[in-house]
Amino acid sequence: MTVSLPSRVTAAQVLQTVARAQPLDAEWLKVNDINRVFGLSRPRIFKAIALGQLDSVHLRETGKTKGIRLVSVASIRAYIESFREPVK
């Protein structure tokens, strides 16, 4: 979901926008949505899939070469958490 805000934004307007935002409850996302929601680039996503770091499925009809690549949101969150450095 893209939210457009006026050029001059007050703190109250930001808080209202955040309050209206819905939590991400999808279990699977398309690659382009991962980029939009989590900020991961397409090359990084596909590399992580190839290395088995992200759980994904490729939905396509029998005999077709094109389909839809879906990635588990839980695996995306775990992947991002794996980069967290311990707090000193």
N, C-alpha and C. Protein backbone atom coordinates (compact mmCIF):
# COMPACT_ATOMS: atom_id res chain seq x y z
N MET A 1 0.85 -1.16 0.00
CA MET A 1 0.00 0.00 0.00
C MET A 1 0.89 1.23 0.00
N THR A 2 0.67 2.13 -0.93
CA THR A 2 1.42 3.36 -1.00
C THR A 2 0.59 4.48 -0.40
N VAL A 3 1.19 5.24 0.47
CA VAL A 3 0.50 6.34 1.12
C VAL A 3 1.14 7.63 0.65
N SER A 4 0.33 8.54 0.12
CA SER A 4 0.87 9.83 -0.30
C SER A 4 0.54 10.86 0.75
N LEU A 5 1.53 11.64 1.09
CA LEU A 5 1.38 12.67 2.10
C LEU A 5 1.66 14.03 1.47
N PRO A 6 1.05 15.09 2.00
CA PRO A 6 1.35 16.43 1.48
C PRO A 6 2.82 16.78 1.69
N SER A 7 3.30 17.81 0.99
CA SER A 7 4.72 18.16 1.07
C SER A 7 5.12 18.61 2.47
N ARG A 8 4.22 19.24 3.21
CA ARG A 8 4.50 19.65 4.59
C ARG A 8 3.64 18.78 5.49
N VAL A 9 4.27 17.95 6.24
CA VAL A 9 3.57 16.97 7.06
C VAL A 9 3.80 17.27 8.53
N THR A 10 2.73 17.24 9.30
CA THR A 10 2.86 17.44 10.74
C THR A 10 3.01 16.08 11.41
N ALA A 11 3.50 16.08 12.62
CA ALA A 11 3.65 14.83 13.37
C ALA A 11 2.29 14.17 13.57
N ALA A 12 1.25 14.96 13.81
CA ALA A 12 -0.09 14.41 14.00
C ALA A 12 -0.57 13.69 12.74
N GLN A 13 -0.27 14.24 11.56
CA GLN A 13 -0.66 13.60 10.30
C GLN A 13 0.07 12.28 10.12
N VAL A 14 1.34 12.24 10.47
CA VAL A 14 2.11 11.00 10.37
C VAL A 14 1.53 9.95 11.29
N LEU A 15 1.23 10.33 12.52
CA LEU A 15 0.65 9.39 13.49
C LEU A 15 -0.70 8.87 13.02
N GLN A 16 -1.52 9.72 12.40
CA GLN A 16 -2.81 9.28 11.86
C GLN A 16 -2.61 8.27 10.74
N THR A 17 -1.64 8.51 9.86
CA THR A 17 -1.36 7.60 8.76
C THR A 17 -0.88 6.26 9.28
N VAL A 18 0.02 6.28 10.25
CA VAL A 18 0.53 5.04 10.84
C VAL A 18 -0.59 4.27 11.52
N ALA A 19 -1.48 4.97 12.20
CA ALA A 19 -2.59 4.33 12.90
C ALA A 19 -3.53 3.62 11.93
N ARG A 20 -3.67 4.16 10.71
CA ARG A 20 -4.55 3.55 9.71
C ARG A 20 -3.90 2.38 8.99
N ALA A 21 -2.59 2.25 9.07
CA ALA A 21 -1.87 1.19 8.34
C ALA A 21 -2.27 -0.18 8.87
N GLN A 22 -2.38 -1.12 7.97
CA GLN A 22 -2.75 -2.48 8.32
C GLN A 22 -1.49 -3.33 8.44
N PRO A 23 -1.44 -4.26 9.40
CA PRO A 23 -0.28 -5.14 9.49
C PRO A 23 -0.23 -6.08 8.30
N LEU A 24 0.96 -6.50 7.97
CA LEU A 24 1.13 -7.43 6.86
C LEU A 24 0.73 -8.82 7.33
N ASP A 25 -0.39 -9.32 6.81
CA ASP A 25 -0.85 -10.63 7.24
C ASP A 25 -0.79 -11.67 6.12
N ALA A 26 -0.19 -11.32 5.01
CA ALA A 26 -0.04 -12.28 3.92
C ALA A 26 1.01 -13.33 4.30
N GLU A 27 0.79 -14.55 3.87
CA GLU A 27 1.77 -15.60 4.12
C GLU A 27 2.80 -15.69 3.01
N TRP A 28 2.42 -15.30 1.80
CA TRP A 28 3.29 -15.37 0.63
C TRP A 28 3.22 -14.05 -0.11
N LEU A 29 4.36 -13.63 -0.69
CA LEU A 29 4.41 -12.41 -1.48
C LEU A 29 5.10 -12.67 -2.82
N LYS A 30 4.69 -11.90 -3.83
CA LYS A 30 5.40 -11.90 -5.11
C LYS A 30 6.72 -11.15 -4.92
N VAL A 31 7.68 -11.42 -5.78
CA VAL A 31 9.01 -10.82 -5.67
C VAL A 31 8.93 -9.29 -5.69
N ASN A 32 8.14 -8.72 -6.60
CA ASN A 32 8.04 -7.26 -6.66
C ASN A 32 7.44 -6.68 -5.38
N ASP A 33 6.54 -7.41 -4.74
CA ASP A 33 5.96 -6.94 -3.49
C ASP A 33 6.97 -7.00 -2.36
N ILE A 34 7.86 -7.99 -2.40
CA ILE A 34 8.93 -8.08 -1.40
C ILE A 34 9.81 -6.84 -1.49
N ASN A 35 10.12 -6.46 -2.71
CA ASN A 35 10.94 -5.27 -2.92
C ASN A 35 10.24 -4.05 -2.35
N ARG A 36 8.96 -3.91 -2.59
CA ARG A 36 8.20 -2.75 -2.14
C ARG A 36 8.02 -2.74 -0.62
N VAL A 37 7.71 -3.90 -0.03
CA VAL A 37 7.40 -3.97 1.40
C VAL A 37 8.66 -4.01 2.26
N PHE A 38 9.64 -4.85 1.86
CA PHE A 38 10.82 -5.05 2.69
C PHE A 38 12.08 -4.35 2.17
N GLY A 39 12.04 -3.85 0.95
CA GLY A 39 13.18 -3.12 0.41
C GLY A 39 14.32 -3.98 -0.10
N LEU A 40 14.08 -5.27 -0.27
CA LEU A 40 15.13 -6.15 -0.80
C LEU A 40 15.11 -6.10 -2.32
N SER A 41 16.29 -6.05 -2.93
CA SER A 41 16.36 -5.98 -4.39
C SER A 41 16.06 -7.35 -5.01
N ARG A 42 15.63 -7.33 -6.26
CA ARG A 42 15.32 -8.58 -6.96
C ARG A 42 16.54 -9.52 -7.02
N PRO A 43 17.75 -9.01 -7.35
CA PRO A 43 18.90 -9.92 -7.37
C PRO A 43 19.17 -10.56 -6.01
N ARG A 44 19.05 -9.79 -4.93
CA ARG A 44 19.27 -10.34 -3.59
C ARG A 44 18.22 -11.40 -3.28
N ILE A 45 16.97 -11.15 -3.65
CA ILE A 45 15.90 -12.11 -3.41
C ILE A 45 16.18 -13.42 -4.14
N PHE A 46 16.49 -13.34 -5.43
CA PHE A 46 16.72 -14.56 -6.20
C PHE A 46 17.98 -15.29 -5.76
N LYS A 47 19.01 -14.56 -5.33
CA LYS A 47 20.21 -15.20 -4.81
C LYS A 47 19.89 -15.95 -3.52
N ALA A 48 19.11 -15.32 -2.63
CA ALA A 48 18.72 -15.97 -1.38
C ALA A 48 17.86 -17.20 -1.63
N ILE A 49 17.01 -17.14 -2.65
CA ILE A 49 16.21 -18.32 -3.02
C ILE A 49 17.12 -19.43 -3.50
N ALA A 50 18.08 -19.10 -4.38
CA ALA A 50 19.01 -20.10 -4.92
C ALA A 50 19.85 -20.75 -3.84
N LEU A 51 20.19 -19.97 -2.80
CA LEU A 51 21.00 -20.49 -1.70
C LEU A 51 20.16 -21.20 -0.63
N GLY A 52 18.84 -21.23 -0.84
CA GLY A 52 17.96 -21.90 0.12
C GLY A 52 17.69 -21.08 1.37
N GLN A 53 17.97 -19.78 1.31
CA GLN A 53 17.76 -18.90 2.47
C GLN A 53 16.33 -18.38 2.54
N LEU A 54 15.62 -18.43 1.42
CA LEU A 54 14.21 -18.04 1.37
C LEU A 54 13.39 -19.21 0.84
N ASP A 55 12.25 -19.43 1.46
CA ASP A 55 11.33 -20.49 1.05
C ASP A 55 10.44 -19.94 -0.05
N SER A 56 10.45 -20.58 -1.23
CA SER A 56 9.65 -20.06 -2.33
C SER A 56 9.00 -21.21 -3.12
N VAL A 57 7.97 -20.84 -3.85
CA VAL A 57 7.31 -21.77 -4.77
C VAL A 57 7.13 -21.06 -6.10
N HIS A 58 7.11 -21.87 -7.16
CA HIS A 58 6.88 -21.31 -8.50
C HIS A 58 5.58 -21.91 -9.01
N LEU A 59 4.53 -21.08 -9.04
CA LEU A 59 3.22 -21.53 -9.49
C LEU A 59 3.14 -21.39 -11.00
N ARG A 60 2.96 -22.50 -11.68
CA ARG A 60 2.78 -22.44 -13.13
C ARG A 60 1.99 -23.65 -13.58
N GLU A 61 1.30 -23.48 -14.67
CA GLU A 61 0.51 -24.57 -15.23
C GLU A 61 1.43 -25.56 -15.95
N THR A 62 1.01 -26.80 -15.98
CA THR A 62 1.79 -27.84 -16.64
C THR A 62 2.04 -27.46 -18.09
N GLY A 63 3.28 -27.58 -18.52
CA GLY A 63 3.66 -27.27 -19.89
C GLY A 63 3.98 -25.80 -20.14
N LYS A 64 3.72 -24.95 -19.19
CA LYS A 64 4.00 -23.51 -19.35
C LYS A 64 5.38 -23.20 -18.79
N THR A 65 6.04 -22.20 -19.37
CA THR A 65 7.36 -21.81 -18.86
C THR A 65 7.26 -20.64 -17.88
N LYS A 66 6.21 -19.85 -18.00
CA LYS A 66 6.05 -18.70 -17.12
C LYS A 66 5.07 -19.03 -16.00
N GLY A 67 5.31 -18.41 -14.88
CA GLY A 67 4.43 -18.60 -13.72
C GLY A 67 4.64 -17.46 -12.75
N ILE A 68 4.26 -17.69 -11.52
CA ILE A 68 4.39 -16.68 -10.47
C ILE A 68 5.28 -17.24 -9.37
N ARG A 69 6.32 -16.49 -9.01
CA ARG A 69 7.20 -16.88 -7.91
C ARG A 69 6.66 -16.24 -6.64
N LEU A 70 6.37 -17.07 -5.64
CA LEU A 70 5.91 -16.59 -4.35
C LEU A 70 6.93 -16.96 -3.29
N VAL A 71 7.13 -16.08 -2.33
CA VAL A 71 8.10 -16.29 -1.27
C VAL A 71 7.39 -16.17 0.08
N SER A 72 7.72 -17.08 0.99
CA SER A 72 7.12 -17.09 2.32
C SER A 72 7.55 -15.85 3.11
N VAL A 73 6.58 -15.15 3.66
CA VAL A 73 6.86 -13.95 4.46
C VAL A 73 7.65 -14.34 5.71
N ALA A 74 7.32 -15.49 6.31
CA ALA A 74 8.06 -15.93 7.50
C ALA A 74 9.54 -16.12 7.17
N SER A 75 9.84 -16.68 5.99
CA SER A 75 11.24 -16.89 5.62
C SER A 75 11.93 -15.57 5.31
N ILE A 76 11.19 -14.59 4.79
CA ILE A 76 11.77 -13.26 4.54
C ILE A 76 12.17 -12.61 5.86
N ARG A 77 11.26 -12.68 6.83
CA ARG A 77 11.55 -12.08 8.14
C ARG A 77 12.74 -12.78 8.80
N ALA A 78 12.80 -14.12 8.71
CA ALA A 78 13.92 -14.86 9.29
C ALA A 78 15.22 -14.49 8.58
N TYR A 79 15.16 -14.34 7.25
CA TYR A 79 16.34 -13.96 6.47
C TYR A 79 16.86 -12.59 6.92
N ILE A 80 15.96 -11.63 7.07
CA ILE A 80 16.37 -10.29 7.49
C ILE A 80 16.93 -10.34 8.91
N GLU A 81 16.29 -11.08 9.80
CA GLU A 81 16.76 -11.21 11.18
C GLU A 81 18.15 -11.83 11.25
N SER A 82 18.49 -12.68 10.28
CA SER A 82 19.80 -13.34 10.29
C SER A 82 20.95 -12.34 10.15
N PHE A 83 20.65 -11.13 9.71
CA PHE A 83 21.67 -10.10 9.55
C PHE A 83 21.81 -9.21 10.79
N ARG A 84 20.94 -9.42 11.76
CA ARG A 84 20.98 -8.59 12.97
C ARG A 84 22.27 -8.86 13.73
N GLU A 85 22.92 -7.79 14.13
CA GLU A 85 24.14 -7.91 14.92
C GLU A 85 23.79 -7.85 16.38
N PRO A 86 24.51 -8.60 17.22
CA PRO A 86 24.21 -8.56 18.65
C PRO A 86 24.44 -7.17 19.23
N VAL A 87 23.59 -6.80 20.17
CA VAL A 87 23.71 -5.50 20.83
C VAL A 87 24.86 -5.56 21.82
N LYS A 88 25.70 -4.55 21.81
CA LYS A 88 26.86 -4.53 22.71
C LYS A 88 26.51 -3.85 24.00
